[in-house]
Amino acid sequence: MKKFIYILAASMALVLFAGEANAQMGKRNYINGGWQFNGTPGNTFAKSAQGYGAYIEGGYYLTPLFAVGGFASFNSNNEYHPKETYTFANQAALTTDLDRSLYQVPFGATMRMRFTRGMFQPYVEAKIGTEYSTQSTYMSTFVSRQDNWGFYISPEVGMTFFPFEKTDFGFHVAAYYSYATNQNKSYDLKGINNLGFKLGIAF
């Protein structure tokens, strides 16, 4: 009889511990999305830093601290060039001002490691995927445009903040660097560097 009581007590303790551990783990999935500010340092086509961007990402925590998921975002960086005379290979010349627009849409997979599971959740993240990009030059009489695809990689540091009790709604802030292998021989574009930050909401 005593042996049965010991087994029953041990089983109850394991159930209670498992229930408590599960409660401590909290929500296993996440969704972040919002506004993105992006700069393009070192690029020959459009060197600008502007806030014409947005992002969304989500994932699932395989362990309490490690998650895998997916992401998608877009950026548009524009640069104005004053009037200038351009000479082409056939000796033709054109005098005009122009606007250059660099549009990027990366998407792919993520790996995230958060350091805590409380109200403040700082993390590091790695993104890997592909990027679709368009480089457009708008002149007075015509538009020159080229589309291309490239490999995309991006490290990121950030934090989600959940200030409200009994709800999964919070806020998200992050800083990132990214590199895409897109190329445009017409403008000697050999890869696209990006540096920026994100402000959004978290679920």
Protein backbone atom coordinates (compact mmCIF):
# COMPACT_ATOMS: atom_id res chain seq x y z
CA MET A 1 0.00 0.00 0.00
CA LYS A 2 2.80 2.40 0.91
CA LYS A 3 4.50 1.63 -2.40
CA PHE A 4 1.30 2.53 -4.27
CA ILE A 5 1.03 5.82 -2.33
CA TYR A 6 4.65 6.68 -3.18
CA ILE A 7 4.07 5.94 -6.87
CA LEU A 8 0.84 7.98 -6.86
CA ALA A 9 2.55 10.93 -5.12
CA ALA A 10 5.47 10.81 -7.54
CA SER A 11 3.10 10.69 -10.52
CA MET A 12 1.14 13.70 -9.22
CA ALA A 13 4.38 15.62 -8.68
CA LEU A 14 5.47 14.89 -12.26
CA VAL A 15 2.09 16.03 -13.62
CA LEU A 16 2.21 19.25 -11.60
CA PHE A 17 5.80 19.93 -12.65
CA ALA A 18 4.98 19.28 -16.30
CA GLY A 19 1.98 21.60 -16.11
CA GLU A 20 4.03 24.33 -14.45
CA ALA A 21 6.86 23.96 -16.97
CA ASN A 22 4.39 24.14 -19.84
CA ALA A 23 2.83 27.31 -18.40
CA GLN A 24 6.26 28.89 -18.05
CA MET A 25 7.02 28.26 -21.71
CA GLY A 26 4.21 30.63 -22.74
CA LYS A 27 3.14 31.12 -26.32
CA ARG A 28 5.21 29.11 -28.78
CA ASN A 29 4.46 31.01 -32.01
CA TYR A 30 5.09 34.67 -32.87
CA ILE A 31 4.20 37.25 -35.53
CA ASN A 32 5.96 40.62 -35.99
CA GLY A 33 5.18 43.28 -38.58
CA GLY A 34 5.39 46.98 -39.24
CA TRP A 35 7.41 49.84 -40.73
CA GLN A 36 10.98 49.54 -42.01
CA PHE A 37 13.60 52.26 -42.57
CA ASN A 38 16.31 51.21 -45.00
CA GLY A 39 19.63 52.61 -46.19
CA THR A 40 21.75 51.39 -49.11
CA PRO A 41 25.41 52.07 -48.21
CA GLY A 42 28.09 51.32 -50.79
CA ASN A 43 25.70 50.87 -53.70
CA THR A 44 26.49 52.54 -57.01
CA PHE A 45 22.90 52.74 -58.27
CA ALA A 46 21.07 54.55 -55.45
CA LYS A 47 22.79 55.68 -52.27
CA SER A 48 19.93 56.76 -50.03
CA ALA A 49 18.29 56.09 -46.67
CA GLN A 50 14.50 56.27 -46.64
CA GLY A 51 11.48 54.91 -44.81
CA TYR A 52 9.56 53.48 -47.73
CA GLY A 53 9.38 49.93 -46.46
CA ALA A 54 7.44 47.33 -44.48
CA TYR A 55 8.00 43.83 -43.13
CA ILE A 56 6.23 40.79 -41.72
CA GLU A 57 7.68 37.67 -40.16
CA GLY A 58 6.55 34.78 -38.02
CA GLY A 59 7.80 31.57 -36.52
CA TYR A 60 7.45 28.78 -34.02
CA TYR A 61 9.67 28.09 -30.98
CA LEU A 62 10.93 24.52 -31.23
CA THR A 63 12.40 25.02 -27.77
CA PRO A 64 11.60 27.77 -25.25
CA LEU A 65 14.38 29.94 -26.76
CA PHE A 66 14.97 28.76 -30.35
CA ALA A 67 12.52 29.37 -33.21
CA VAL A 68 12.33 28.85 -36.96
CA GLY A 69 10.00 30.67 -39.33
CA GLY A 70 9.64 32.80 -42.43
CA PHE A 71 9.78 36.45 -43.48
CA ALA A 72 8.98 38.87 -46.28
CA SER A 73 9.64 42.60 -46.67
CA PHE A 74 10.02 45.38 -49.21
CA ASN A 75 12.05 48.58 -49.55
CA SER A 76 12.07 51.40 -52.05
CA ASN A 77 15.04 53.77 -52.16
CA ASN A 78 15.02 56.76 -54.51
CA GLU A 79 17.79 59.16 -55.54
CA TYR A 80 17.53 62.33 -57.62
CA HIS A 81 20.33 63.35 -60.01
CA PRO A 82 20.46 66.97 -61.30
CA LYS A 83 20.68 67.76 -64.99
CA GLU A 84 23.76 66.30 -66.66
CA THR A 85 24.94 65.27 -70.14
CA TYR A 86 25.27 61.51 -70.67
CA THR A 87 27.29 60.08 -73.58
CA PHE A 88 26.45 56.60 -74.88
CA ALA A 89 28.54 54.00 -76.72
CA ASN A 90 27.19 55.06 -80.14
CA GLN A 91 28.41 58.63 -79.49
CA ALA A 92 24.85 59.84 -78.88
CA ALA A 93 24.38 62.29 -76.02
CA LEU A 94 21.45 63.14 -73.75
CA THR A 95 21.15 66.06 -71.36
CA THR A 96 18.55 65.49 -68.64
CA ASP A 97 17.92 65.14 -64.94
CA LEU A 98 16.79 61.76 -63.65
CA ASP A 99 15.40 59.79 -60.73
CA ARG A 100 16.71 56.37 -59.78
CA SER A 101 14.54 53.91 -57.86
CA LEU A 102 15.83 50.73 -56.22
CA TYR A 103 12.98 48.39 -55.24
CA GLN A 104 13.67 45.22 -53.23
CA VAL A 105 11.49 42.32 -52.08
CA PRO A 106 13.40 39.70 -50.04
CA PHE A 107 11.69 36.63 -48.56
CA GLY A 108 12.77 33.33 -47.07
CA ALA A 109 13.43 31.49 -43.80
CA THR A 110 14.47 32.68 -40.34
CA MET A 111 16.21 31.29 -37.25
CA ARG A 112 15.72 33.20 -34.00
CA MET A 113 17.31 32.82 -30.57
CA ARG A 114 15.74 34.83 -27.76
CA PHE A 115 17.49 35.30 -24.43
CA THR A 116 14.50 35.60 -22.07
CA ARG A 117 10.79 34.72 -22.09
CA GLY A 118 9.43 37.55 -19.96
CA MET A 119 8.05 40.99 -20.69
CA PHE A 120 11.27 41.94 -22.52
CA GLN A 121 12.52 39.40 -25.05
CA PRO A 122 15.83 40.42 -26.70
CA TYR A 123 16.94 38.17 -29.55
CA VAL A 124 19.35 37.57 -32.40
CA GLU A 125 18.12 36.33 -35.76
CA ALA A 126 19.49 35.09 -39.07
CA LYS A 127 17.54 35.33 -42.33
CA ILE A 128 18.31 33.48 -45.54
CA GLY A 129 16.39 33.45 -48.80
CA THR A 130 16.05 35.13 -52.16
CA GLU A 131 15.50 38.72 -53.31
CA TYR A 132 13.62 40.17 -56.26
CA SER A 133 14.85 43.65 -57.18
CA THR A 134 14.02 46.27 -59.78
CA GLN A 135 16.35 49.13 -60.75
CA SER A 136 14.49 51.91 -62.60
CA THR A 137 15.81 55.16 -64.07
CA TYR A 138 13.18 57.78 -64.83
CA MET A 139 14.24 60.40 -67.39
CA SER A 140 12.30 63.19 -69.04
CA THR A 141 11.14 61.10 -72.00
CA PHE A 142 11.56 57.41 -71.07
CA VAL A 143 12.17 54.85 -68.32
CA SER A 144 15.01 52.33 -68.21
CA ARG A 145 14.22 49.31 -66.05
CA GLN A 146 15.88 46.01 -65.18
CA ASP A 147 14.61 43.18 -62.97
CA ASN A 148 16.80 40.55 -61.36
CA TRP A 149 16.97 37.90 -58.64
CA GLY A 150 19.65 37.17 -56.07
CA PHE A 151 20.60 35.23 -52.96
CA TYR A 152 19.77 37.08 -49.70
CA ILE A 153 21.25 36.88 -46.19
CA SER A 154 20.66 39.10 -43.16
CA PRO A 155 21.71 39.12 -39.48
CA GLU A 156 19.42 40.99 -37.10
CA VAL A 157 19.27 42.02 -33.44
CA GLY A 158 16.04 43.11 -31.82
CA MET A 159 13.58 42.94 -28.98
CA THR A 160 9.89 42.29 -28.47
CA PHE A 161 8.18 44.01 -25.55
CA PHE A 162 4.87 42.86 -24.04
CA PRO A 163 3.74 45.53 -21.55
CA PHE A 164 0.14 44.39 -21.17
CA GLU A 165 -0.88 41.56 -18.85
CA LYS A 166 -3.02 38.67 -20.08
CA THR A 167 -2.54 39.55 -23.73
CA ASP A 168 -0.13 38.56 -26.49
CA PHE A 169 -0.05 42.07 -28.01
CA GLY A 170 3.24 43.96 -27.81
CA PHE A 171 5.83 45.98 -29.69
CA HIS A 172 8.85 45.10 -31.82
CA VAL A 173 12.09 46.96 -32.56
CA ALA A 174 15.11 45.67 -34.48
CA ALA A 175 18.24 46.67 -36.40
CA TYR A 176 19.60 44.70 -39.35
CA TYR A 177 22.19 44.42 -42.08
CA SER A 178 21.52 42.52 -45.30
CA TYR A 179 23.30 41.60 -48.49
CA ALA A 180 21.78 40.40 -51.78
CA THR A 181 23.74 39.14 -54.79
CA ASN A 182 21.56 40.90 -57.41
CA GLN A 183 23.57 42.34 -60.30
CA ASN A 184 22.96 44.97 -62.96
CA LYS A 185 25.81 45.29 -65.48
CA SER A 186 24.37 48.49 -66.96
CA TYR A 187 25.03 50.34 -63.69
CA ASP A 188 27.96 48.26 -62.40
CA LEU A 189 25.73 46.98 -59.60
CA LYS A 190 27.44 43.97 -58.01
CA GLY A 191 25.36 43.11 -54.99
CA ILE A 192 23.06 45.24 -52.79
CA ASN A 193 23.96 46.26 -49.24
CA ASN A 194 21.24 47.35 -46.82
CA LEU A 195 21.34 48.75 -43.30
CA GLY A 196 18.24 49.75 -41.37
CA PHE A 197 15.84 49.39 -38.46
CA LYS A 198 12.28 48.23 -37.86
CA LEU A 199 9.44 49.47 -35.67
CA GLY A 200 6.31 47.38 -35.42
CA ILE A 201 3.90 45.32 -33.38
CA ALA A 202 4.26 41.82 -32.00
CA PHE A 203 1.81 39.00 -31.38
